[in-house]
PDB file of N, CA and C in Angstrom:
ATOM      1  N   MET A   1       6.629  -3.528  -5.317  1.00  0.00           N
ATOM      2  CA  MET A   1       6.573  -4.669  -3.855  1.00  0.00           C
ATOM      3  C   MET A   1       4.752  -3.688  -3.762  1.00  0.00           C
ATOM      4  N   LEU A   2       4.867  -4.863  -3.243  1.00  0.00           N
ATOM      5  CA  LEU A   2       3.432  -5.134  -3.053  1.00  0.00           C
ATOM      6  C   LEU A   2       3.039  -4.921  -2.252  1.00  0.00           C
ATOM      7  N   SER A   3       0.943  -5.337  -1.884  1.00  0.00           N
ATOM      8  CA  SER A   3       0.591  -4.729  -0.164  1.00  0.00           C
ATOM      9  C   SER A   3       1.607  -4.816   0.431  1.00  0.00           C
ATOM     10  N   GLY A   4       1.360  -3.896   1.838  1.00  0.00           N
ATOM     11  CA  GLY A   4       1.272  -4.503   3.278  1.00  0.00           C
ATOM     12  C   GLY A   4       3.238  -4.963   3.467  1.00  0.00           C
ATOM     13  N   ASN A   5       2.951  -5.862   4.604  1.00  0.00           N
ATOM     14  CA  ASN A   5       4.698  -6.209   4.774  1.00  0.00           C
ATOM     15  C   ASN A   5       3.498  -7.677   5.339  1.00  0.00           C
ATOM     16  N   VAL A   6       5.192  -8.352   5.207  1.00  0.00           N
ATOM     17  CA  VAL A   6       5.253  -9.492   6.011  1.00  0.00           C
ATOM     18  C   VAL A   6       5.826  -9.831   7.673  1.00  0.00           C
ATOM     19  N   ALA A   7       5.781 -11.241   7.956  1.00  0.00           N
ATOM     20  CA  ALA A   7       6.583 -12.084   8.474  1.00  0.00           C
ATOM     21  C   ALA A   7       7.114 -13.158   8.394  1.00  0.00           C
ATOM     22  N   VAL A   8       8.259 -13.465   8.955  1.00  0.00           N
ATOM     23  CA  VAL A   8       8.345 -15.065   7.495  1.00  0.00           C
ATOM     24  C   VAL A   8       9.665 -15.669   9.013  1.00  0.00           C
ATOM     25  N   SER A   9       9.478 -16.527   9.332  1.00  0.00           N
ATOM     26  CA  SER A   9      10.887 -17.175  10.458  1.00  0.00           C
ATOM     27  C   SER A   9      11.812 -18.475   9.997  1.00  0.00           C
ATOM     28  N   ASN A  10      12.319 -18.450  10.626  1.00  0.00           N
ATOM     29  CA  ASN A  10      13.258 -19.711  10.310  1.00  0.00           C
ATOM     30  C   ASN A  10      13.617 -21.279  10.765  1.00  0.00           C
ATOM     31  N   THR A  11      11.842 -21.466  11.315  1.00  0.00           N
ATOM     32  CA  THR A  11      12.065 -22.700  11.935  1.00  0.00           C
ATOM     33  C   THR A  11      10.317 -22.663  11.169  1.00  0.00           C
ATOM     34  N   THR A  12       9.747 -22.304   9.585  1.00  0.00           N
ATOM     35  CA  THR A  12       8.726 -22.740   9.580  1.00  0.00           C
ATOM     36  C   THR A  12       8.532 -22.132   8.361  1.00  0.00           C
ATOM     37  N   THR A  13       8.284 -22.817   6.998  1.00  0.00           N
ATOM     38  CA  THR A  13       8.217 -22.363   6.230  1.00  0.00           C
ATOM     39  C   THR A  13       6.380 -20.597   5.868  1.00  0.00           C
ATOM     40  N   ASN A  14       6.014 -20.995   6.618  1.00  0.00           N
ATOM     41  CA  ASN A  14       5.005 -19.604   7.227  1.00  0.00           C
ATOM     42  C   ASN A  14       5.102 -18.406   7.093  1.00  0.00           C
ATOM     43  N   VAL A  15       4.373 -17.240   6.057  1.00  0.00           N
ATOM     44  CA  VAL A  15       4.844 -16.231   5.433  1.00  0.00           C
ATOM     45  C   VAL A  15       3.068 -15.610   6.284  1.00  0.00           C
ATOM     46  N   THR A  16       3.972 -14.415   7.254  1.00  0.00           N
ATOM     47  CA  THR A  16       2.299 -14.040   7.806  1.00  0.00           C
ATOM     48  C   THR A  16       1.900 -12.098   6.981  1.00  0.00           C
ATOM     49  N   GLY A  17       1.268 -12.398   6.475  1.00  0.00           N
ATOM     50  CA  GLY A  17       0.963 -10.244   5.998  1.00  0.00           C
ATOM     51  C   GLY A  17      -0.055  -9.796   7.661  1.00  0.00           C
ATOM     52  N   THR A  18       0.559  -8.713   7.054  1.00  0.00           N
ATOM     53  CA  THR A  18      -0.299  -7.339   7.527  1.00  0.00           C
ATOM     54  C   THR A  18      -1.007  -6.275   6.558  1.00  0.00           C
ATOM     55  N   SER A  19      -1.791  -5.763   5.821  1.00  0.00           N
ATOM     56  CA  SER A  19      -1.960  -5.860   4.798  1.00  0.00           C
ATOM     57  C   SER A  19      -1.882  -5.984   3.598  1.00  0.00           C
ATOM     58  N   THR A  20      -1.895  -7.190   3.258  1.00  0.00           N
ATOM     59  CA  THR A  20      -1.715  -8.300   1.319  1.00  0.00           C
ATOM     60  C   THR A  20      -2.817  -8.858   1.183  1.00  0.00           C
ATOM     61  N   ARG A  21      -1.861  -8.758  -0.004  1.00  0.00           N
ATOM     62  CA  ARG A  21      -4.101  -9.760  -0.739  1.00  0.00           C
ATOM     63  C   ARG A  21      -2.522  -9.847  -1.428  1.00  0.00           C
ATOM     64  N   PHE A  22      -2.309 -11.542  -0.287  1.00  0.00           N
ATOM     65  CA  PHE A  22      -2.009 -12.268  -1.410  1.00  0.00           C
ATOM     66  C   PHE A  22      -2.999 -12.964  -2.905  1.00  0.00           C
ATOM     67  N   ILE A  23      -4.333 -13.617  -2.553  1.00  0.00           N
ATOM     68  CA  ILE A  23      -5.330 -13.688  -3.612  1.00  0.00           C
ATOM     69  C   ILE A  23      -5.087 -12.994  -3.835  1.00  0.00           C
ATOM     70  N   GLU A  24      -4.501 -11.751  -4.137  1.00  0.00           N
ATOM     71  CA  GLU A  24      -4.494 -10.413  -5.670  1.00  0.00           C
ATOM     72  C   GLU A  24      -3.707 -10.728  -6.088  1.00  0.00           C
ATOM     73  N   ASP A  25      -2.030 -10.995  -5.733  1.00  0.00           N
ATOM     74  CA  ASP A  25      -0.697 -11.133  -5.655  1.00  0.00           C
ATOM     75  C   ASP A  25      -0.536 -11.420  -6.614  1.00  0.00           C
ATOM     76  N   LEU A  26      -0.409 -12.746  -5.877  1.00  0.00           N
ATOM     77  CA  LEU A  26       0.209 -14.213  -6.462  1.00  0.00           C
ATOM     78  C   LEU A  26       0.008 -14.995  -7.080  1.00  0.00           C
ATOM     79  N   ARG A  27       0.473 -16.065  -6.845  1.00  0.00           N
ATOM     80  CA  ARG A  27       0.256 -17.672  -7.511  1.00  0.00           C
ATOM     81  C   ARG A  27       0.574 -18.269  -6.994  1.00  0.00           C
ATOM     82  N   ILE A  28       0.630 -19.455  -7.200  1.00  0.00           N
ATOM     83  CA  ILE A  28       1.597 -20.989  -6.619  1.00  0.00           C
ATOM     84  C   ILE A  28       2.821 -21.107  -7.436  1.00  0.00           C
ATOM     85  N   GLY A  29       3.615 -21.343  -7.233  1.00  0.00           N
ATOM     86  CA  GLY A  29       4.965 -21.221  -7.643  1.00  0.00           C
ATOM     87  C   GLY A  29       5.121 -19.416  -8.444  1.00  0.00           C
ATOM     88  N   ASP A  30       4.878 -18.490  -7.887  1.00  0.00           N
ATOM     89  CA  ASP A  30       5.983 -17.390  -8.115  1.00  0.00           C
ATOM     90  C   ASP A  30       6.702 -17.462  -7.798  1.00  0.00           C
ATOM     91  N   THR A  31       7.563 -16.348  -7.266  1.00  0.00           N
ATOM     92  CA  THR A  31       9.064 -16.159  -6.424  1.00  0.00           C
ATOM     93  C   THR A  31       8.784 -14.338  -5.567  1.00  0.00           C
ATOM     94  N   ILE A  32       8.913 -14.877  -4.307  1.00  0.00           N
ATOM     95  CA  ILE A  32       8.054 -13.141  -4.073  1.00  0.00           C
ATOM     96  C   ILE A  32      10.480 -13.244  -3.222  1.00  0.00           C
ATOM     97  N   ALA A  33       9.816 -12.401  -2.766  1.00  0.00           N
ATOM     98  CA  ALA A  33      11.749 -11.121  -2.501  1.00  0.00           C
ATOM     99  C   ALA A  33      10.955 -10.528  -1.360  1.00  0.00           C
ATOM    100  N   VAL A  34      11.750 -11.005   0.905  1.00  0.00           N
ATOM    101  CA  VAL A  34      11.755 -10.221   1.226  1.00  0.00           C
ATOM    102  C   VAL A  34      12.457  -9.643   1.810  1.00  0.00           C
ATOM    103  N   GLY A  35      12.023  -8.387   2.997  1.00  0.00           N
ATOM    104  CA  GLY A  35      13.347  -7.638   3.340  1.00  0.00           C
ATOM    105  C   GLY A  35      14.988  -6.715   2.540  1.00  0.00           C
ATOM    106  N   THR A  36      14.864  -6.443   2.874  1.00  0.00           N
ATOM    107  CA  THR A  36      16.140  -6.018   2.240  1.00  0.00           C
ATOM    108  C   THR A  36      17.174  -6.043   1.765  1.00  0.00           C
ATOM    109  N   ALA A  37      17.671  -7.809   2.693  1.00  0.00           N
ATOM    110  CA  ALA A  37      17.827  -8.542   1.998  1.00  0.00           C
ATOM    111  C   ALA A  37      17.581  -9.644   0.601  1.00  0.00           C
ATOM    112  N   ARG A  38      16.164  -9.159  -0.170  1.00  0.00           N
ATOM    113  CA  ARG A  38      15.743  -9.462  -0.857  1.00  0.00           C
ATOM    114  C   ARG A  38      16.039 -10.924  -1.033  1.00  0.00           C
ATOM    115  N   THR A  39      15.761 -11.724   0.158  1.00  0.00           N
ATOM    116  CA  THR A  39      15.761 -12.911   0.371  1.00  0.00           C
ATOM    117  C   THR A  39      14.349 -13.645  -0.683  1.00  0.00           C
ATOM    118  N   GLU A  40      15.033 -14.687  -1.734  1.00  0.00           N
ATOM    119  CA  GLU A  40      13.959 -15.154  -2.687  1.00  0.00           C
ATOM    120  C   GLU A  40      13.574 -16.358  -2.327  1.00  0.00           C
ATOM    121  N   LYS A  41      12.227 -16.218  -1.786  1.00  0.00           N
ATOM    122  CA  LYS A  41      11.809 -18.064  -1.816  1.00  0.00           C
ATOM    123  C   LYS A  41      10.200 -17.858  -2.889  1.00  0.00           C
ATOM    124  N   VAL A  42      10.407 -19.332  -2.704  1.00  0.00           N
ATOM    125  CA  VAL A  42       8.994 -20.076  -4.082  1.00  0.00           C
ATOM    126  C   VAL A  42       6.702 -20.022  -3.200  1.00  0.00           C
ATOM    127  N   VAL A  43       7.022 -19.492  -3.679  1.00  0.00           N
ATOM    128  CA  VAL A  43       5.874 -19.456  -2.819  1.00  0.00           C
ATOM    129  C   VAL A  43       4.588 -20.860  -3.115  1.00  0.00           C
ATOM    130  N   SER A  44       4.867 -21.399  -1.927  1.00  0.00           N
ATOM    131  CA  SER A  44       3.864 -22.953  -2.262  1.00  0.00           C
ATOM    132  C   SER A  44       2.425 -23.408  -1.973  1.00  0.00           C
ATOM    133  N   THR A  45       1.999 -22.430  -1.229  1.00  0.00           N
ATOM    134  CA  THR A  45       0.205 -22.341  -1.055  1.00  0.00           C
ATOM    135  C   THR A  45      -0.265 -20.816  -0.252  1.00  0.00           C
ATOM    136  N   ILE A  46      -0.897 -20.419  -1.183  1.00  0.00           N
ATOM    137  CA  ILE A  46      -2.382 -19.482  -0.385  1.00  0.00           C
ATOM    138  C   ILE A  46      -2.788 -19.564  -0.571  1.00  0.00           C
ATOM    139  N   VAL A  47      -3.587 -19.599   1.611  1.00  0.00           N
ATOM    140  CA  VAL A  47      -4.397 -19.884   1.824  1.00  0.00           C
ATOM    141  C   VAL A  47      -5.695 -18.564   2.071  1.00  0.00           C
ATOM    142  N   ASN A  48      -4.646 -17.079   2.453  1.00  0.00           N
ATOM    143  CA  ASN A  48      -5.664 -16.529   2.237  1.00  0.00           C
ATOM    144  C   ASN A  48      -5.364 -14.640   1.825  1.00  0.00           C
ATOM    145  N   ASN A  49      -5.756 -13.474   1.893  1.00  0.00           N
ATOM    146  CA  ASN A  49      -5.401 -12.772   1.798  1.00  0.00           C
ATOM    147  C   ASN A  49      -3.496 -12.198   2.585  1.00  0.00           C
ATOM    148  N   THR A  50      -3.586 -12.823   3.872  1.00  0.00           N
ATOM    149  CA  THR A  50      -2.956 -12.790   4.676  1.00  0.00           C
ATOM    150  C   THR A  50      -1.819 -13.792   4.948  1.00  0.00           C
ATOM    151  N   PHE A  51      -2.079 -15.154   4.605  1.00  0.00           N
ATOM    152  CA  PHE A  51      -0.902 -16.302   4.758  1.00  0.00           C
ATOM    153  C   PHE A  51      -0.859 -16.744   3.569  1.00  0.00           C
ATOM    154  N   LEU A  52       0.746 -17.373   3.450  1.00  0.00           N
ATOM    155  CA  LEU A  52       0.847 -18.624   3.424  1.00  0.00           C
ATOM    156  C   LEU A  52       2.141 -19.450   2.876  1.00  0.00           C
ATOM    157  N   THR A  53       2.645 -20.053   3.065  1.00  0.00           N
ATOM    158  CA  THR A  53       3.665 -20.195   3.185  1.00  0.00           C
ATOM    159  C   THR A  53       4.833 -20.758   1.180  1.00  0.00           C
ATOM    160  N   VAL A  54       5.877 -21.144   1.437  1.00  0.00           N
ATOM    161  CA  VAL A  54       7.165 -21.419   0.891  1.00  0.00           C
ATOM    162  C   VAL A  54       7.670 -22.690   0.995  1.00  0.00           C
ATOM    163  N   GLU A  55       8.674 -22.741   0.193  1.00  0.00           N
ATOM    164  CA  GLU A  55       8.795 -23.797   0.131  1.00  0.00           C
ATOM    165  C   GLU A  55      10.082 -24.565   0.559  1.00  0.00           C
ATOM    166  N   SER A  56      10.956 -23.409   1.405  1.00  0.00           N
ATOM    167  CA  SER A  56      11.779 -23.296   3.016  1.00  0.00           C
ATOM    168  C   SER A  56      11.985 -22.249   3.196  1.00  0.00           C
ATOM    169  N   ALA A  57      11.930 -23.470   4.780  1.00  0.00           N
ATOM    170  CA  ALA A  57      11.860 -21.796   5.682  1.00  0.00           C
ATOM    171  C   ALA A  57      13.124 -20.757   5.360  1.00  0.00           C
ATOM    172  N   PHE A  58      13.046 -19.627   5.896  1.00  0.00           N
ATOM    173  CA  PHE A  58      13.783 -18.095   5.646  1.00  0.00           C
ATOM    174  C   PHE A  58      15.156 -18.175   6.667  1.00  0.00           C
ATOM    175  N   SER A  59      16.389 -17.975   5.987  1.00  0.00           N
ATOM    176  CA  SER A  59      17.503 -18.065   7.007  1.00  0.00           C
ATOM    177  C   SER A  59      17.852 -17.668   8.521  1.00  0.00           C
ATOM    178  N   THR A  60      16.339 -16.781   8.845  1.00  0.00           N
ATOM    179  CA  THR A  60      16.183 -15.363   9.910  1.00  0.00           C
ATOM    180  C   THR A  60      15.295 -14.837  10.294  1.00  0.00           C
ATOM    181  N   SER A  61      14.235 -14.951  11.426  1.00  0.00           N
ATOM    182  CA  SER A  61      13.367 -14.822  11.814  1.00  0.00           C
ATOM    183  C   SER A  61      12.742 -12.687  11.064  1.00  0.00           C
ATOM    184  N   ASN A  62      11.632 -12.238  10.779  1.00  0.00           N
ATOM    185  CA  ASN A  62      11.746 -10.959  10.886  1.00  0.00           C
ATOM    186  C   ASN A  62      10.492 -10.736  10.640  1.00  0.00           C
ATOM    187  N   THR A  63      10.209  -9.623  11.668  1.00  0.00           N
ATOM    188  CA  THR A  63       8.386  -8.459  11.589  1.00  0.00           C
ATOM    189  C   THR A  63       8.853  -7.682  10.345  1.00  0.00           C
ATOM    190  N   GLY A  64       7.303  -6.584  10.202  1.00  0.00           N
ATOM    191  CA  GLY A  64       7.643  -5.932   9.272  1.00  0.00           C
ATOM    192  C   GLY A  64       8.759  -5.446   7.735  1.00  0.00           C
ATOM    193  N   GLN A  65       8.413  -6.717   7.376  1.00  0.00           N
ATOM    194  CA  GLN A  65       9.694  -6.715   6.229  1.00  0.00           C
ATOM    195  C   GLN A  65       9.015  -6.028   5.381  1.00  0.00           C
ATOM    196  N   ASP A  66       9.669  -5.990   3.670  1.00  0.00           N
ATOM    197  CA  ASP A  66       8.348  -5.264   2.943  1.00  0.00           C
ATOM    198  C   ASP A  66       8.275  -6.706   1.615  1.00  0.00           C
ATOM    199  N   ILE A  67       7.159  -6.683   0.580  1.00  0.00           N
ATOM    200  CA  ILE A  67       7.193  -8.634  -0.238  1.00  0.00           C
ATOM    201  C   ILE A  67       7.133  -7.559  -1.722  1.00  0.00           C
ATOM    202  N   PHE A  68       7.585  -8.229  -2.117  1.00  0.00           N
ATOM    203  CA  PHE A  68       8.608  -8.160  -3.494  1.00  0.00           C
ATOM    204  C   PHE A  68       7.846  -9.511  -4.422  1.00  0.00           C
ATOM    205  N   LYS A  69       7.035  -9.294  -5.539  1.00  0.00           N
ATOM    206  CA  LYS A  69       7.038  -9.761  -7.009  1.00  0.00           C
ATOM    207  C   LYS A  69       8.451  -9.977  -7.164  1.00  0.00           C
ATOM    208  N   VAL A  70       8.409 -11.643  -8.097  1.00  0.00           N
ATOM    209  CA  VAL A  70      10.426 -10.900  -8.885  1.00  0.00           C
ATOM    210  C   VAL A  70       9.585 -11.492 -10.116  1.00  0.00           C
ATOM    211  N   LEU A  71       9.642 -11.466 -10.984  1.00  0.00           N
ATOM    212  CA  LEU A  71       9.336 -11.588 -12.469  1.00  0.00           C
ATOM    213  C   LEU A  71      10.242 -11.405 -13.341  1.00  0.00           C
ATOM    214  N   ASN A  72      10.405 -12.215 -14.015  1.00  0.00           N
ATOM    215  CA  ASN A  72      12.083 -13.143 -15.343  1.00  0.00           C
ATOM    216  C   ASN A  72      13.276 -12.774 -14.484  1.00  0.00           C
ATOM    217  N   ASN A  73      13.404 -12.994 -13.067  1.00  0.00           N
ATOM    218  CA  ASN A  73      14.927 -13.162 -12.351  1.00  0.00           C
ATOM    219  C   ASN A  73      15.566 -11.211 -11.776  1.00  0.00           C
ATOM    220  N   GLU A  74      13.976 -11.323 -11.916  1.00  0.00           N
ATOM    221  CA  GLU A  74      13.784  -9.816 -11.518  1.00  0.00           C
ATOM    222  C   GLU A  74      12.788  -8.817 -10.505  1.00  0.00           C
ATOM    223  N   VAL A  75      13.271  -7.684  -9.330  1.00  0.00           N
ATOM    224  CA  VAL A  75      11.851  -7.637  -7.863  1.00  0.00           C
ATOM    225  C   VAL A  75      11.885  -6.895  -8.965  1.00  0.00           C
ATOM    226  N   GLN A  76      10.053  -6.183  -9.412  1.00  0.00           N
ATOM    227  CA  GLN A  76       9.815  -5.954  -9.578  1.00  0.00           C
ATOM    228  C   GLN A  76       8.447  -4.964  -8.602  1.00  0.00           C
ATOM    229  N   TYR A  77       9.336  -3.119  -9.026  1.00  0.00           N
ATOM    230  CA  TYR A  77       8.610  -2.334  -8.275  1.00  0.00           C
ATOM    231  C   TYR A  77       7.165  -1.839  -8.533  1.00  0.00           C
ATOM    232  N   THR A  78       6.420  -1.187  -7.893  1.00  0.00           N
ATOM    233  CA  THR A  78       4.906  -1.355  -8.736  1.00  0.00           C
ATOM    234  C   THR A  78       4.747  -0.598  -7.870  1.00  0.00           C
ATOM    235  N   THR A  79       3.656   0.919  -8.426  1.00  0.00           N
ATOM    236  CA  THR A  79       3.088   1.906  -7.114  1.00  0.00           C
ATOM    237  C   THR A  79       2.020   2.396  -6.248  1.00  0.00           C
ATOM    238  N   PRO A  80       2.134   2.387  -5.780  1.00  0.00           N
ATOM    239  CA  PRO A  80       0.030   2.669  -5.072  1.00  0.00           C
ATOM    240  C   PRO A  80      -0.797   2.379  -6.223  1.00  0.00           C
ATOM    241  N   ASP A  81      -0.584   3.017  -7.198  1.00  0.00           N
ATOM    242  CA  ASP A  81      -2.004   3.806  -8.630  1.00  0.00           C
ATOM    243  C   ASP A  81      -1.513   2.206  -9.132  1.00  0.00           C
ATOM    244  N   ALA A  82      -0.237   1.588  -9.558  1.00  0.00           N
ATOM    245  CA  ALA A  82       0.284  -0.093 -10.058  1.00  0.00           C
ATOM    246  C   ALA A  82       0.159   0.425 -11.367  1.00  0.00           C
ATOM    247  N   VAL A  83       1.376   1.638 -10.668  1.00  0.00           N
ATOM    248  CA  VAL A  83       2.063   1.506 -11.798  1.00  0.00           C
ATOM    249  C   VAL A  83       4.155   0.924 -11.678  1.00  0.00           C
ATOM    250  N   SER A  84       4.297   0.316 -13.237  1.00  0.00           N
ATOM    251  CA  SER A  84       5.426   0.372 -12.411  1.00  0.00           C
ATOM    252  C   SER A  84       6.744   1.161 -13.012  1.00  0.00           C
TER     253      SER A  84
END
């Protein structure tokens, strides 16, 4: 799980973070998984540590969602001290 939480929308490709570190944690082309459904999207742009865009809009709008980085087709969980 990455730091912070995010808000996503079904009308835009924007992902807005709270206490997130997008610049440090992600790269363009990475796949993220959001929320309890672990909806996967590919990162298109990273504007700053609290705003990025994905290739397509989510199917629902939600706030306060957990965000995960997908590696090798698996959702990766990391503790706050960076231990997988």
